Amino acid sequence: MDDILDKFNRKADNLNTIMDKMADSVESITESVKESTQAINLSAANSSEIVGQIQGISEAMGENNKVTEQLNSSTKRFANL
């Protein structure tokens, strides 16, 4: 009976060790997923900021084109004098 209980105890200890390793692995995976999520969120925020800045540049280029057209128009008036 002692031999049977000893074998059962060793197997239970082995199972407990395996379960501890699995819990550590799951915790590691969870932490990796959390870090990946944070990196993706930061990347998305940076992308949104870049899009906004590009839109601002585009608007500034449109204003520059208007000013250039006005300068060309003014230059043509002087050339015709």
C-alpha atoms as a PDB file:
ATOM      1  CA  MET A   1       0.000   0.000   0.000  1.00  0.00           C
ATOM      2  CA  ASP A   2       2.879   2.361   0.846  1.00  0.00           C
ATOM      3  CA  ASP A   3       4.453   1.622  -2.544  1.00  0.00           C
ATOM      4  CA  ILE A   4       1.215   2.473  -4.362  1.00  0.00           C
ATOM      5  CA  LEU A   5       0.801   5.703  -2.393  1.00  0.00           C
ATOM      6  CA  ASP A   6       4.449   6.611  -3.029  1.00  0.00           C
ATOM      7  CA  LYS A   7       4.017   6.112  -6.797  1.00  0.00           C
ATOM      8  CA  PHE A   8       0.814   8.130  -6.721  1.00  0.00           C
ATOM      9  CA  ASN A   9       2.564  10.895  -4.775  1.00  0.00           C
ATOM     10  CA  ARG A  10       5.470  11.021  -7.290  1.00  0.00           C
ATOM     11  CA  LYS A  11       3.047  11.164 -10.206  1.00  0.00           C
ATOM     12  CA  ALA A  12       1.040  13.892  -8.494  1.00  0.00           C
ATOM     13  CA  ASP A  13       4.245  15.881  -7.888  1.00  0.00           C
ATOM     14  CA  ASN A  14       5.256  15.402 -11.518  1.00  0.00           C
ATOM     15  CA  LEU A  15       1.818  16.545 -12.659  1.00  0.00           C
ATOM     16  CA  ASN A  16       2.063  19.576 -10.363  1.00  0.00           C
ATOM     17  CA  THR A  17       5.456  20.479 -11.869  1.00  0.00           C
ATOM     18  CA  ILE A  18       4.063  20.196 -15.382  1.00  0.00           C
ATOM     19  CA  MET A  19       1.066  22.347 -14.468  1.00  0.00           C
ATOM     20  CA  ASP A  20       3.379  25.009 -12.951  1.00  0.00           C
ATOM     21  CA  LYS A  21       5.405  25.092 -16.185  1.00  0.00           C
ATOM     22  CA  MET A  22       2.197  25.406 -18.212  1.00  0.00           C
ATOM     23  CA  ALA A  23       0.998  28.260 -16.000  1.00  0.00           C
ATOM     24  CA  ASP A  24       4.341  30.044 -16.475  1.00  0.00           C
ATOM     25  CA  SER A  25       4.086  29.556 -20.243  1.00  0.00           C
ATOM     26  CA  VAL A  26       0.539  30.914 -20.337  1.00  0.00           C
ATOM     27  CA  GLU A  27       1.632  33.915 -18.269  1.00  0.00           C
ATOM     28  CA  SER A  28       4.532  34.535 -20.657  1.00  0.00           C
ATOM     29  CA  ILE A  29       2.210  34.323 -23.667  1.00  0.00           C
ATOM     30  CA  THR A  30      -0.254  36.683 -21.992  1.00  0.00           C
ATOM     31  CA  GLU A  31       2.509  39.217 -21.343  1.00  0.00           C
ATOM     32  CA  SER A  32       3.702  38.936 -24.958  1.00  0.00           C
ATOM     33  CA  VAL A  33       0.180  39.534 -26.244  1.00  0.00           C
ATOM     34  CA  LYS A  34      -0.164  42.547 -23.938  1.00  0.00           C
ATOM     35  CA  GLU A  35       3.121  44.030 -25.174  1.00  0.00           C
ATOM     36  CA  SER A  36       2.147  43.371 -28.791  1.00  0.00           C
ATOM     37  CA  THR A  37      -1.195  45.079 -28.241  1.00  0.00           C
ATOM     38  CA  GLN A  38       0.528  48.115 -26.777  1.00  0.00           C
ATOM     39  CA  ALA A  39       2.952  48.255 -29.711  1.00  0.00           C
ATOM     40  CA  ILE A  40       0.085  47.999 -32.212  1.00  0.00           C
ATOM     41  CA  ASN A  41      -1.857  50.754 -30.437  1.00  0.00           C
ATOM     42  CA  LEU A  42       1.217  53.003 -30.423  1.00  0.00           C
ATOM     43  CA  SER A  43       1.807  52.292 -34.102  1.00  0.00           C
ATOM     44  CA  ALA A  44      -1.821  53.120 -34.924  1.00  0.00           C
ATOM     45  CA  ALA A  45      -1.593  56.378 -32.977  1.00  0.00           C
ATOM     46  CA  ASN A  46       1.624  57.308 -34.772  1.00  0.00           C
ATOM     47  CA  SER A  47       0.056  56.481 -38.129  1.00  0.00           C
ATOM     48  CA  SER A  48      -2.923  58.709 -37.345  1.00  0.00           C
ATOM     49  CA  GLU A  49      -0.576  61.524 -36.387  1.00  0.00           C
ATOM     50  CA  ILE A  50       1.385  61.112 -39.621  1.00  0.00           C
ATOM     51  CA  VAL A  51      -1.840  61.197 -41.661  1.00  0.00           C
ATOM     52  CA  GLY A  52      -2.828  64.429 -39.913  1.00  0.00           C
ATOM     53  CA  GLN A  53       0.566  65.974 -40.593  1.00  0.00           C
ATOM     54  CA  ILE A  54       0.451  64.948 -44.246  1.00  0.00           C
ATOM     55  CA  GLN A  55      -2.990  66.513 -44.537  1.00  0.00           C
ATOM     56  CA  GLY A  56      -1.577  69.727 -43.053  1.00  0.00           C
ATOM     57  CA  ILE A  57       1.270  69.684 -45.561  1.00  0.00           C
ATOM     58  CA  SER A  58      -1.204  69.140 -48.384  1.00  0.00           C
ATOM     59  CA  GLU A  59      -3.257  72.134 -47.243  1.00  0.00           C
ATOM     60  CA  ALA A  60      -0.115  74.277 -46.997  1.00  0.00           C
ATOM     61  CA  MET A  61       0.863  73.226 -50.533  1.00  0.00           C
ATOM     62  CA  GLY A  62      -2.580  74.273 -51.751  1.00  0.00           C
ATOM     63  CA  GLU A  63      -2.101  77.698 -50.160  1.00  0.00           C
ATOM     64  CA  ASN A  64       1.358  77.954 -51.737  1.00  0.00           C
ATOM     65  CA  ASN A  65      -0.142  77.177 -55.138  1.00  0.00           C
ATOM     66  CA  LYS A  66      -2.719  79.958 -54.675  1.00  0.00           C
ATOM     67  CA  VAL A  67      -0.009  82.450 -53.720  1.00  0.00           C
ATOM     68  CA  THR A  68       2.093  81.346 -56.696  1.00  0.00           C
ATOM     69  CA  GLU A  69      -0.855  81.878 -59.036  1.00  0.00           C
ATOM     70  CA  GLN A  70      -1.434  85.345 -57.577  1.00  0.00           C
ATOM     71  CA  LEU A  71       2.244  86.208 -57.985  1.00  0.00           C
ATOM     72  CA  ASN A  72       2.193  84.981 -61.587  1.00  0.00           C
ATOM     73  CA  SER A  73      -0.883  87.088 -62.258  1.00  0.00           C
ATOM     74  CA  SER A  74       0.761  90.165 -60.733  1.00  0.00           C
ATOM     75  CA  THR A  75       3.980  89.532 -62.679  1.00  0.00           C
ATOM     76  CA  LYS A  76       2.033  89.320 -65.957  1.00  0.00           C
ATOM     77  CA  ARG A  77       0.420  92.695 -65.254  1.00  0.00           C
ATOM     78  CA  PHE A  78       3.829  94.297 -64.827  1.00  0.00           C
ATOM     79  CA  ALA A  79       5.147  92.592 -67.950  1.00  0.00           C
ATOM     80  CA  ASN A  80       2.254  94.025 -69.991  1.00  0.00           C
ATOM     81  CA  LEU A  81       3.041  97.602 -68.878  1.00  0.00           C
END
